[in-house]
Amino acid sequence: MIDKILVIYNDNRKVYGYRRIKISLRRIFGINVNHKKVLRLMQKSKTTY
């Protein structure tokens, strides 16, 4: 799932936060995931500070 998060993050000029990425995951890939999990994965991959 982290690869899909990075695709969304990079395609949107690195301005999307975890809330918008959560919505995009559901709309684009059909993945319904908790926003806390998205935040954890983004922190693990160093895409947020």
C-alpha atoms as a PDB file:
ATOM      1  CA  MET A   1       0.000   0.000   0.000  1.00  0.00           C
ATOM      2  CA  ILE A   2       2.924   2.362   0.632  1.00  0.00           C
ATOM      3  CA  ASP A   3       3.705   2.365  -3.090  1.00  0.00           C
ATOM      4  CA  LYS A   4       0.175   3.588  -3.860  1.00  0.00           C
ATOM      5  CA  ILE A   5       0.465   6.281  -1.189  1.00  0.00           C
ATOM      6  CA  LEU A   6       3.735   7.484  -2.719  1.00  0.00           C
ATOM      7  CA  VAL A   7       2.190   7.551  -6.209  1.00  0.00           C
ATOM      8  CA  ILE A   8      -0.650   9.777  -4.982  1.00  0.00           C
ATOM      9  CA  TYR A   9       1.728  11.940  -2.937  1.00  0.00           C
ATOM     10  CA  ASN A  10       4.171  12.505  -5.808  1.00  0.00           C
ATOM     11  CA  ASP A  11       1.484  12.980  -8.475  1.00  0.00           C
ATOM     12  CA  ASN A  12      -0.008  15.814  -6.440  1.00  0.00           C
ATOM     13  CA  ARG A  13       3.235  17.793  -6.078  1.00  0.00           C
ATOM     14  CA  LYS A  14       3.794  16.560  -2.521  1.00  0.00           C
ATOM     15  CA  VAL A  15       1.077  18.793  -1.084  1.00  0.00           C
ATOM     16  CA  TYR A  16      -1.486  16.126  -0.185  1.00  0.00           C
ATOM     17  CA  GLY A  17      -1.668  15.235   3.478  1.00  0.00           C
ATOM     18  CA  TYR A  18      -2.842  11.986   4.998  1.00  0.00           C
ATOM     19  CA  ARG A  19      -6.503  13.014   4.902  1.00  0.00           C
ATOM     20  CA  ARG A  20      -6.552  13.718   1.169  1.00  0.00           C
ATOM     21  CA  ILE A  21      -4.453  10.649   0.433  1.00  0.00           C
ATOM     22  CA  LYS A  22      -6.965   8.518   2.349  1.00  0.00           C
ATOM     23  CA  ILE A  23      -9.769   9.878   0.157  1.00  0.00           C
ATOM     24  CA  SER A  24      -7.713   9.353  -3.011  1.00  0.00           C
ATOM     25  CA  LEU A  25      -6.920   5.756  -2.057  1.00  0.00           C
ATOM     26  CA  ARG A  26     -10.634   5.060  -1.782  1.00  0.00           C
ATOM     27  CA  ARG A  27     -11.553   6.871  -5.015  1.00  0.00           C
ATOM     28  CA  ILE A  28      -8.721   5.694  -7.260  1.00  0.00           C
ATOM     29  CA  PHE A  29      -7.803   2.249  -5.952  1.00  0.00           C
ATOM     30  CA  GLY A  30     -10.944   1.278  -4.024  1.00  0.00           C
ATOM     31  CA  ILE A  31      -8.953   0.829  -0.810  1.00  0.00           C
ATOM     32  CA  ASN A  32     -10.825   1.846   2.322  1.00  0.00           C
ATOM     33  CA  VAL A  33      -8.298   2.398   5.097  1.00  0.00           C
ATOM     34  CA  ASN A  34      -8.235   4.311   8.372  1.00  0.00           C
ATOM     35  CA  HIS A  35      -6.593   7.751   8.257  1.00  0.00           C
ATOM     36  CA  LYS A  36      -4.368   6.792  11.194  1.00  0.00           C
ATOM     37  CA  LYS A  37      -2.883   3.924   9.215  1.00  0.00           C
ATOM     38  CA  VAL A  38      -2.198   6.234   6.263  1.00  0.00           C
ATOM     39  CA  LEU A  39      -0.471   8.678   8.610  1.00  0.00           C
ATOM     40  CA  ARG A  40       1.625   5.888  10.167  1.00  0.00           C
ATOM     41  CA  LEU A  41       2.732   4.608   6.762  1.00  0.00           C
ATOM     42  CA  MET A  42       3.593   8.120   5.583  1.00  0.00           C
ATOM     43  CA  GLN A  43       5.650   8.744   8.713  1.00  0.00           C
ATOM     44  CA  LYS A  44       7.433   5.428   8.248  1.00  0.00           C
ATOM     45  CA  SER A  45       8.361   6.333   4.666  1.00  0.00           C
ATOM     46  CA  LYS A  46       9.407   9.861   5.726  1.00  0.00           C
ATOM     47  CA  THR A  47       6.859  11.665   3.514  1.00  0.00           C
ATOM     48  CA  THR A  48       5.603  13.765   6.444  1.00  0.00           C
ATOM     49  CA  TYR A  49       7.382  15.584   9.211  1.00  0.00           C
END
